[in-house]
Amino acid sequence: MKYAIVIPDGCADEPLDALGGLTPLQAAKLPNMDRAARLGVVGLSNNVPPALTPASDVATLSLFGYDPLKVYTGRAPLETAAMGIALGPNDWAIRCNLVYVQDGCMWDFTAGHISSEDGAPLIHAIQQELGGKEVAGGTLEFHAGVQYRNVLVWRGHSDSAPFAGMKTQPPHDIPEKPVADYLPQGAARDILVSLMEASKPILANHPVNLRRIAEGKRPATQIWLWGQGKSPTVQPFAEIYGKRGAIISAVDLVRGVGVLLGWKRIDVPGATGYLDTDYAAKGRYGVAALADYDLVCVHVESPDEASHEGRADEKVKALERIDEHIVGPLLEALPKYGDWRILIEPDHRTTLRTRAHAYGAVPFAAAGTGIAPAGQMSYDEVTATQGPHSFDPGWQLMRWFLTS
């Protein structure tokens, strides 16, 4: 049997006045997702335990069938896996965003959606000035990632754990808020805050930032450190579920989760992790991967990005493009292999009202061989509440999807 998973990141939302009292899923024209709903079932899955932060790291592990309470160690280690950076038993990875902070407020957690071509020289400059320094019994390494998403690795010389128990704040969850209220808390607070402060003069007069300002773009004013953790131990997906998987995503975090599970990472030209991503290319690569893998997962970040920017119209457009260019082609291709199933599900909720991630169950649609239609006509939050299946904890959904 062939399986496909489509993740419209953060698409679950609330009714909005701007959309006539509808959620983005209800307002968007989604003939293919609705077809999947009619062919199968629509239900709910709660991917984020109350003890953990609602974010893609925790929620994606759940969606892929892993209990995050047992395997989650932090966001950054998942991203280092996608970047090919090995972590030793004493090492810690820390997410290192390039951000735009002005007048003490987090105005843009993406530094104007800085490109990888602009972001890499800035991180290299920080590595040149701060990298290699000895801090708290370890050595600092700054690694450039995708766009504003980068990683700091602390190479520990012993089994000391200065970052254990730290509480850090994702910058995307504090839009236009004073950063002083959300600085790291815990034993290593001063270390992280001092590095964030030290990055400011390095970036202030960097030629890349000066050019961006001249072009009317937002500069990267500093780094923001968060999401720390040590390398997790994860049993391969094929050993647990007996399926060979492939992951398609422009986001290092999601790719990293797939890599840790033993899935093949497939990179798609034109996939940006933003609203301008090449949806059609993702769909083509997803369809092509079905020939070689039991399970193909296509993750699309754009609905989440639209929510963080508070742009309801763009969230609707993103969902419609996912439906047309990814869900549609997969629904057409899957039956050609005989038995098949498709799962459409966001990892977590991201509400346009708050522009931040939120706790709560998300809707899923599952259809294909052996899944009896439940008489539901559309894929959205309201329909999901009336469905025959609800998974809490959400990590139990994967076994049902693969074996029921």
Protein backbone atom coordinates (compact mmCIF):
# COMPACT_ATOMS: atom_id res chain seq x y z
CA MET A 1 0.00 0.00 0.00
CA LYS A 2 1.11 3.57 -0.73
CA TYR A 3 0.61 6.33 1.83
CA ALA A 4 0.75 10.12 1.49
CA ILE A 5 0.69 12.73 4.23
CA VAL A 6 0.08 16.43 3.51
CA ILE A 7 0.82 18.90 6.32
CA PRO A 8 -0.65 22.40 5.79
CA ASP A 9 1.31 23.80 8.72
CA GLY A 10 -0.75 25.78 11.24
CA CYS A 11 -3.89 25.84 9.08
CA ALA A 12 -6.31 25.13 11.97
CA ASP A 13 -7.82 28.40 13.17
CA GLU A 14 -10.83 30.24 14.58
CA PRO A 15 -13.83 31.92 12.89
CA LEU A 16 -12.90 35.41 11.71
CA ASP A 17 -14.99 38.48 11.02
CA ALA A 18 -12.70 39.22 8.06
CA LEU A 19 -13.82 35.90 6.54
CA GLY A 20 -17.51 36.33 7.25
CA GLY A 21 -17.39 34.33 10.46
CA LEU A 22 -15.64 31.40 8.83
CA THR A 23 -12.29 29.79 9.52
CA PRO A 24 -9.69 29.87 6.72
CA LEU A 25 -10.39 26.18 6.00
CA GLN A 26 -14.10 26.97 5.64
CA ALA A 27 -13.52 30.11 3.56
CA ALA A 28 -11.06 28.54 1.12
CA LYS A 29 -12.18 26.64 -1.98
CA LEU A 30 -10.73 23.17 -1.35
CA PRO A 31 -12.29 20.69 -3.79
CA ASN A 32 -9.57 18.09 -3.32
CA MET A 33 -9.42 18.20 0.48
CA ASP A 34 -13.22 18.09 0.52
CA ARG A 35 -13.10 15.10 -1.83
CA ALA A 36 -10.79 13.33 0.62
CA ALA A 37 -13.30 14.13 3.37
CA ARG A 38 -16.17 12.62 1.38
CA LEU A 39 -14.13 9.53 0.51
CA GLY A 40 -13.10 8.91 4.10
CA VAL A 41 -13.36 10.47 7.55
CA VAL A 42 -12.67 13.82 9.19
CA GLY A 43 -11.69 13.84 12.84
CA LEU A 44 -9.58 15.50 15.51
CA SER A 45 -6.03 14.94 16.75
CA ASN A 46 -4.43 16.70 19.71
CA ASN A 47 -0.73 16.76 18.90
CA VAL A 48 0.58 18.94 21.74
CA PRO A 49 0.52 17.69 25.36
CA PRO A 50 -0.27 20.41 27.92
CA ALA A 51 3.21 20.05 29.43
CA LEU A 52 4.93 21.11 26.20
CA THR A 53 4.90 24.23 24.05
CA PRO A 54 2.59 24.26 21.00
CA ALA A 55 5.07 24.30 18.13
CA SER A 56 6.04 22.29 15.07
CA ASP A 57 8.79 20.34 16.84
CA VAL A 58 6.48 18.74 19.40
CA ALA A 59 3.46 18.57 17.10
CA THR A 60 5.31 17.02 14.14
CA LEU A 61 6.71 14.25 16.32
CA SER A 62 3.15 13.52 17.42
CA LEU A 63 1.81 13.62 13.89
CA PHE A 64 4.46 11.12 12.80
CA GLY A 65 3.45 8.71 15.54
CA TYR A 66 5.94 9.42 18.34
CA ASP A 67 5.06 10.34 21.91
CA PRO A 68 6.81 13.72 22.40
CA LEU A 69 6.71 13.27 26.16
CA LYS A 70 9.16 10.39 25.66
CA VAL A 71 11.39 11.51 22.77
CA TYR A 72 11.34 15.32 22.64
CA THR A 73 14.48 17.08 23.87
CA GLY A 74 14.20 20.49 22.17
CA ARG A 75 13.66 22.12 18.80
CA ALA A 76 17.21 22.96 17.72
CA PRO A 77 18.56 19.38 17.83
CA LEU A 78 15.93 18.39 15.26
CA GLU A 79 17.18 21.12 12.93
CA THR A 80 20.82 20.16 13.31
CA ALA A 81 19.89 16.70 12.01
CA ALA A 82 18.57 18.25 8.78
CA MET A 83 21.70 20.39 8.49
CA GLY A 84 23.95 17.35 8.82
CA ILE A 85 25.49 18.60 12.06
CA ALA A 86 26.35 15.76 14.44
CA LEU A 87 25.82 16.31 18.15
CA GLY A 88 27.95 14.52 20.70
CA PRO A 89 26.57 13.31 24.06
CA ASN A 90 27.72 16.50 25.81
CA ASP A 91 26.64 18.95 23.11
CA TRP A 92 23.65 21.28 23.03
CA ALA A 93 21.97 22.86 20.00
CA ILE A 94 20.21 26.21 20.30
CA ARG A 95 18.03 27.84 17.64
CA CYS A 96 19.54 31.12 16.46
CA ASN A 97 17.04 33.35 14.62
CA LEU A 98 18.01 36.48 12.76
CA VAL A 99 15.39 38.99 13.89
CA TYR A 100 14.45 42.65 13.56
CA VAL A 101 14.07 44.29 16.96
CA GLN A 102 13.40 48.01 17.07
CA ASP A 103 12.69 50.20 20.11
CA GLY A 104 12.80 47.10 22.27
CA CYS A 105 10.00 45.29 20.40
CA MET A 106 10.01 42.16 18.23
CA TRP A 107 8.79 43.68 14.97
CA ASP A 108 9.86 40.84 12.68
CA PHE A 109 11.05 37.39 13.74
CA THR A 110 12.22 36.75 10.15
CA ALA A 111 14.30 39.94 9.68
CA GLY A 112 12.22 40.87 6.66
CA HIS A 113 12.12 37.24 5.47
CA ILE A 114 15.81 37.49 4.87
CA SER A 115 17.10 35.18 2.15
CA SER A 116 19.62 32.44 2.81
CA GLU A 117 22.04 34.35 0.59
CA ASP A 118 21.79 37.39 2.89
CA GLY A 119 21.53 35.46 6.14
CA ALA A 120 24.57 33.24 5.72
CA PRO A 121 27.16 36.08 5.60
CA LEU A 122 25.65 37.55 8.77
CA ILE A 123 25.94 34.25 10.63
CA HIS A 124 29.46 33.79 9.29
CA ALA A 125 30.37 37.22 10.69
CA ILE A 126 28.98 36.23 14.09
CA GLN A 127 30.92 32.97 13.94
CA GLN A 128 34.09 34.89 13.15
CA GLU A 129 33.62 37.17 16.17
CA LEU A 130 31.98 34.86 18.70
CA GLY A 131 32.56 31.34 17.42
CA GLY A 132 35.34 29.31 18.99
CA LYS A 133 35.00 31.07 22.32
CA GLU A 134 34.97 29.04 25.50
CA VAL A 135 31.75 29.57 27.47
CA ALA A 136 30.65 27.61 30.56
CA GLY A 137 32.91 24.66 29.75
CA GLY A 138 32.08 24.43 26.08
CA THR A 139 32.95 25.89 22.66
CA LEU A 140 30.55 27.96 20.56
CA GLU A 141 29.76 27.21 16.89
CA PHE A 142 27.33 29.26 14.79
CA HIS A 143 25.91 27.50 11.70
CA ALA A 144 23.95 29.16 8.89
CA GLY A 145 20.68 27.46 8.00
CA VAL A 146 17.75 28.44 5.80
CA GLN A 147 16.84 32.14 5.64
CA TYR A 148 16.44 33.45 9.21
CA ARG A 149 16.62 29.97 10.77
CA ASN A 150 20.12 29.18 12.07
CA VAL A 151 21.71 27.13 14.83
CA LEU A 152 24.20 27.68 17.65
CA VAL A 153 25.98 24.54 18.84
CA TRP A 154 27.65 24.44 22.25
CA ARG A 155 30.27 21.68 22.24
CA GLY A 156 30.52 20.53 25.85
CA HIS A 157 33.87 19.35 27.18
CA SER A 158 32.22 17.36 29.99
CA ASP A 159 28.80 16.09 30.97
CA SER A 160 27.83 19.42 32.54
CA ALA A 161 24.49 20.75 31.32
CA PRO A 162 24.38 24.54 31.71
CA PHE A 163 21.25 24.87 29.53
CA ALA A 164 19.19 22.23 31.32
CA GLY A 165 15.90 23.55 32.64
CA MET A 166 16.15 26.78 30.65
CA LYS A 167 12.93 28.45 29.52
CA THR A 168 13.25 30.29 26.20
CA GLN A 169 10.66 31.99 24.04
CA PRO A 170 10.03 31.43 20.32
CA PRO A 171 10.27 34.87 18.68
CA HIS A 172 7.33 34.11 16.38
CA ASP A 173 5.07 33.98 19.43
CA ILE A 174 5.87 37.54 20.60
CA PRO A 175 4.96 39.71 17.57
CA GLU A 176 5.27 43.44 18.26
CA LYS A 177 5.83 42.79 21.97
CA PRO A 178 8.66 44.08 24.24
CA VAL A 179 11.47 41.54 24.10
CA ALA A 180 12.58 42.35 27.65
CA ASP A 181 9.52 40.44 28.89
CA TYR A 182 10.53 37.28 27.00
CA LEU A 183 14.27 36.90 27.51
CA PRO A 184 15.67 33.46 28.47
CA GLN A 185 15.12 32.34 32.04
CA GLY A 186 17.20 29.85 34.00
CA ALA A 187 20.74 29.11 35.08
CA ALA A 188 22.35 30.07 31.76
CA ARG A 189 20.26 33.20 31.24
CA ASP A 190 23.24 35.55 31.31
CA ILE A 191 25.12 33.46 28.74
CA LEU A 192 22.33 33.56 26.17
CA VAL A 193 21.42 37.18 26.78
CA SER A 194 25.05 38.29 26.51
CA LEU A 195 25.42 36.49 23.15
CA MET A 196 22.27 38.14 21.86
CA GLU A 197 23.61 41.52 22.94
CA ALA A 198 27.05 40.81 21.45
CA SER A 199 25.48 40.12 18.07
CA LYS A 200 24.04 43.64 17.77
CA PRO A 201 27.24 45.60 16.99
CA ILE A 202 28.45 42.81 14.69
CA LEU A 203 25.32 43.08 12.56
CA ALA A 204 24.76 46.84 12.82
CA ASN A 205 27.27 47.90 10.17
CA HIS A 206 27.55 44.69 8.18
CA PRO A 207 27.49 45.37 4.41
CA VAL A 208 24.53 43.02 3.93
CA ASN A 209 22.42 44.96 6.41
CA LEU A 210 23.49 48.32 5.01
CA ARG A 211 22.46 47.18 1.54
CA ARG A 212 19.14 45.87 2.81
CA ILE A 213 18.39 49.20 4.48
CA ALA A 214 19.26 51.05 1.26
CA GLU A 215 16.87 48.73 -0.60
CA GLY A 216 14.08 49.50 1.85
CA LYS A 217 14.29 46.06 3.50
CA ARG A 218 14.42 45.28 7.18
CA PRO A 219 17.90 44.50 8.53
CA ALA A 220 18.75 41.71 10.94
CA THR A 221 19.44 43.65 14.12
CA GLN A 222 20.40 40.73 16.36
CA ILE A 223 20.19 37.00 16.96
CA TRP A 224 17.49 35.47 19.16
CA LEU A 225 18.42 32.26 21.01
CA TRP A 226 15.80 29.66 21.96
CA GLY A 227 14.69 26.05 21.49
CA GLN A 228 17.75 24.48 23.17
CA GLY A 229 18.22 20.76 23.57
CA LYS A 230 20.46 17.72 23.34
CA SER A 231 20.37 15.10 20.61
CA PRO A 232 17.29 12.86 20.98
CA THR A 233 17.22 9.10 20.68
CA VAL A 234 14.48 8.06 18.26
CA GLN A 235 13.65 4.56 17.04
CA PRO A 236 13.49 4.48 13.23
CA PHE A 237 10.02 4.73 11.71
CA ALA A 238 10.56 1.59 9.63
CA GLU A 239 11.26 -0.45 12.77
CA ILE A 240 8.08 0.72 14.49
CA TYR A 241 5.65 0.98 11.58
CA GLY A 242 7.31 -1.09 8.83
CA LYS A 243 7.19 1.67 6.19
CA ARG A 244 9.98 3.42 4.26
CA GLY A 245 9.34 7.14 4.23
CA ALA A 246 10.39 10.32 2.46
CA ILE A 247 10.01 13.92 3.64
CA ILE A 248 9.54 17.02 1.47
CA SER A 249 9.80 20.34 3.30
CA ALA A 250 11.63 23.65 3.04
CA VAL A 251 11.91 23.91 6.82
CA ASP A 252 14.97 22.40 8.54
CA LEU A 253 12.96 21.53 11.63
CA VAL A 254 10.51 19.29 9.77
CA ARG A 255 13.22 17.86 7.54
CA GLY A 256 15.24 17.13 10.66
CA VAL A 257 12.42 15.17 12.26
CA GLY A 258 12.14 13.12 9.07
CA VAL A 259 15.88 12.49 8.96
CA LEU A 260 15.90 11.33 12.60
CA LEU A 261 13.10 8.89 11.77
CA GLY A 262 15.17 7.45 8.94
CA TRP A 263 13.19 9.01 6.11
CA LYS A 264 14.77 10.18 2.87
CA ARG A 265 15.09 13.95 2.66
CA ILE A 266 13.97 15.25 -0.74
CA ASP A 267 14.80 18.88 -1.50
CA VAL A 268 12.63 20.74 -4.01
CA PRO A 269 13.99 23.67 -6.06
CA GLY A 270 11.83 26.73 -5.46
CA ALA A 271 10.58 25.55 -2.05
CA THR A 272 11.09 28.53 0.26
CA GLY A 273 9.14 27.84 3.44
CA TYR A 274 7.16 31.04 2.78
CA LEU A 275 4.11 32.25 0.86
CA ASP A 276 6.07 32.32 -2.39
CA THR A 277 7.01 28.64 -2.27
CA ASP A 278 6.65 26.61 -5.46
CA TYR A 279 3.55 24.57 -4.62
CA ALA A 280 3.43 22.85 -8.00
CA ALA A 281 7.02 21.68 -7.71
CA LYS A 282 6.32 20.22 -4.28
CA GLY A 283 3.35 18.38 -5.74
CA ARG A 284 5.42 17.00 -8.63
CA TYR A 285 8.21 15.82 -6.37
CA GLY A 286 5.69 14.26 -4.00
CA VAL A 287 4.02 12.32 -6.79
CA ALA A 288 7.39 11.17 -8.16
CA ALA A 289 8.54 9.96 -4.73
CA LEU A 290 5.60 7.57 -4.49
CA ALA A 291 7.40 5.29 -6.93
CA ASP A 292 10.26 4.67 -4.50
CA TYR A 293 8.81 4.95 -0.99
CA ASP A 294 5.94 3.43 0.97
CA LEU A 295 5.07 6.76 2.55
CA VAL A 296 5.63 10.28 1.22
CA CYS A 297 5.07 13.35 3.41
CA VAL A 298 4.75 16.84 1.91
CA HIS A 299 4.94 19.67 4.44
CA VAL A 300 4.00 23.25 3.52
CA GLU A 301 4.85 26.11 5.87
CA SER A 302 2.90 28.92 4.17
CA PRO A 303 -0.39 28.79 6.15
CA ASP A 304 1.61 29.12 9.36
CA GLU A 305 3.58 32.06 7.99
CA ALA A 306 0.38 33.80 6.91
CA SER A 307 -1.01 33.42 10.45
CA HIS A 308 2.14 34.85 12.00
CA GLU A 309 1.72 37.88 9.74
CA GLY A 310 -2.00 38.19 10.51
CA ARG A 311 -2.94 37.91 6.82
CA ALA A 312 -6.22 36.04 6.47
CA ASP A 313 -6.38 36.48 2.70
CA GLU A 314 -2.93 34.95 2.23
CA LYS A 315 -3.78 32.03 4.50
CA VAL A 316 -6.81 31.25 2.35
CA LYS A 317 -4.73 31.53 -0.83
CA ALA A 318 -2.05 29.24 0.60
CA LEU A 319 -4.63 26.58 1.45
CA GLU A 320 -6.13 26.79 -2.03
CA ARG A 321 -2.71 26.35 -3.62
CA ILE A 322 -1.92 23.36 -1.43
CA ASP A 323 -5.26 21.86 -2.43
CA GLU A 324 -4.74 22.43 -6.15
CA HIS A 325 -1.05 21.68 -6.56
CA ILE A 326 -0.34 19.06 -3.88
CA VAL A 327 -3.46 17.30 -2.61
CA GLY A 328 -5.04 17.09 -6.07
CA PRO A 329 -2.05 15.50 -7.84
CA LEU A 330 -1.51 13.05 -4.97
CA LEU A 331 -5.16 11.98 -5.01
CA GLU A 332 -4.86 11.36 -8.73
CA ALA A 333 -1.57 9.44 -8.51
CA LEU A 334 -2.11 7.25 -5.45
CA PRO A 335 -4.76 4.85 -6.88
CA LYS A 336 -2.40 3.97 -9.75
CA TYR A 337 -0.37 1.95 -7.22
CA GLY A 338 -3.31 -0.17 -6.10
CA ASP A 339 -4.12 0.13 -2.38
CA TRP A 340 -3.53 3.62 -1.05
CA ARG A 341 -4.29 6.09 1.75
CA ILE A 342 -3.90 9.82 2.28
CA LEU A 343 -3.78 11.85 5.49
CA ILE A 344 -4.24 15.63 5.50
CA GLU A 345 -3.47 17.25 8.83
CA PRO A 346 -1.72 20.33 10.25
CA ASP A 347 0.72 19.85 13.06
CA HIS A 348 -0.79 22.50 15.36
CA ARG A 349 -3.13 25.48 15.43
CA THR A 350 -1.85 28.95 14.51
CA THR A 351 -4.50 31.60 14.94
CA LEU A 352 -4.68 34.79 12.93
CA ARG A 353 -6.14 36.60 15.94
CA THR A 354 -3.04 36.06 18.11
CA ARG A 355 -0.53 35.51 15.28
CA ALA A 356 0.90 32.71 17.43
CA HIS A 357 0.75 28.96 17.89
CA ALA A 358 -2.02 27.64 20.13
CA TYR A 359 -2.97 24.54 22.06
CA GLY A 360 -5.92 22.45 20.94
CA ALA A 361 -6.92 19.62 18.64
CA VAL A 362 -6.56 20.01 14.88
CA PRO A 363 -8.71 18.52 12.10
CA PHE A 364 -7.50 15.63 9.98
CA ALA A 365 -8.93 13.98 6.89
CA ALA A 366 -8.04 10.38 6.09
CA ALA A 367 -9.18 8.48 3.01
CA GLY A 368 -8.31 5.49 0.89
CA THR A 369 -8.36 1.73 0.87
CA GLY A 370 -10.15 0.24 3.86
CA ILE A 371 -11.35 3.57 5.31
CA ALA A 372 -15.15 3.61 5.15
CA PRO A 373 -16.75 6.97 4.27
CA ALA A 374 -18.37 8.62 7.29
CA GLY A 375 -20.72 10.83 5.29
CA GLN A 376 -18.80 14.04 5.93
CA MET A 377 -18.73 16.57 3.12
CA SER A 378 -15.89 18.98 3.87
CA TYR A 379 -12.52 19.28 5.56
CA ASP A 380 -12.67 21.90 8.31
CA GLU A 381 -12.69 22.36 12.06
CA VAL A 382 -16.48 22.12 12.53
CA THR A 383 -16.83 18.96 10.47
CA ALA A 384 -13.97 17.41 12.43
CA THR A 385 -15.81 17.84 15.74
CA GLN A 386 -18.65 15.72 14.34
CA GLY A 387 -16.39 12.92 13.13
CA PRO A 388 -16.20 9.34 14.35
CA HIS A 389 -12.55 9.53 15.40
CA SER A 390 -10.67 11.70 17.90
CA PHE A 391 -7.11 11.00 19.00
CA ASP A 392 -5.80 12.40 22.27
CA PRO A 393 -2.85 11.96 22.51
CA GLY A 394 -2.42 12.65 18.83
CA TRP A 395 0.56 10.36 18.30
CA GLN A 396 -1.87 7.42 18.31
CA LEU A 397 -3.38 8.56 14.99
CA MET A 398 -0.44 7.30 12.92
CA ARG A 399 -0.89 3.64 13.83
CA TRP A 400 -4.61 3.90 13.08
CA PHE A 401 -3.88 5.54 9.72
CA LEU A 402 -1.37 2.86 8.72
CA THR A 403 -3.10 -0.25 10.05
CA SER A 404 -6.83 0.22 10.66
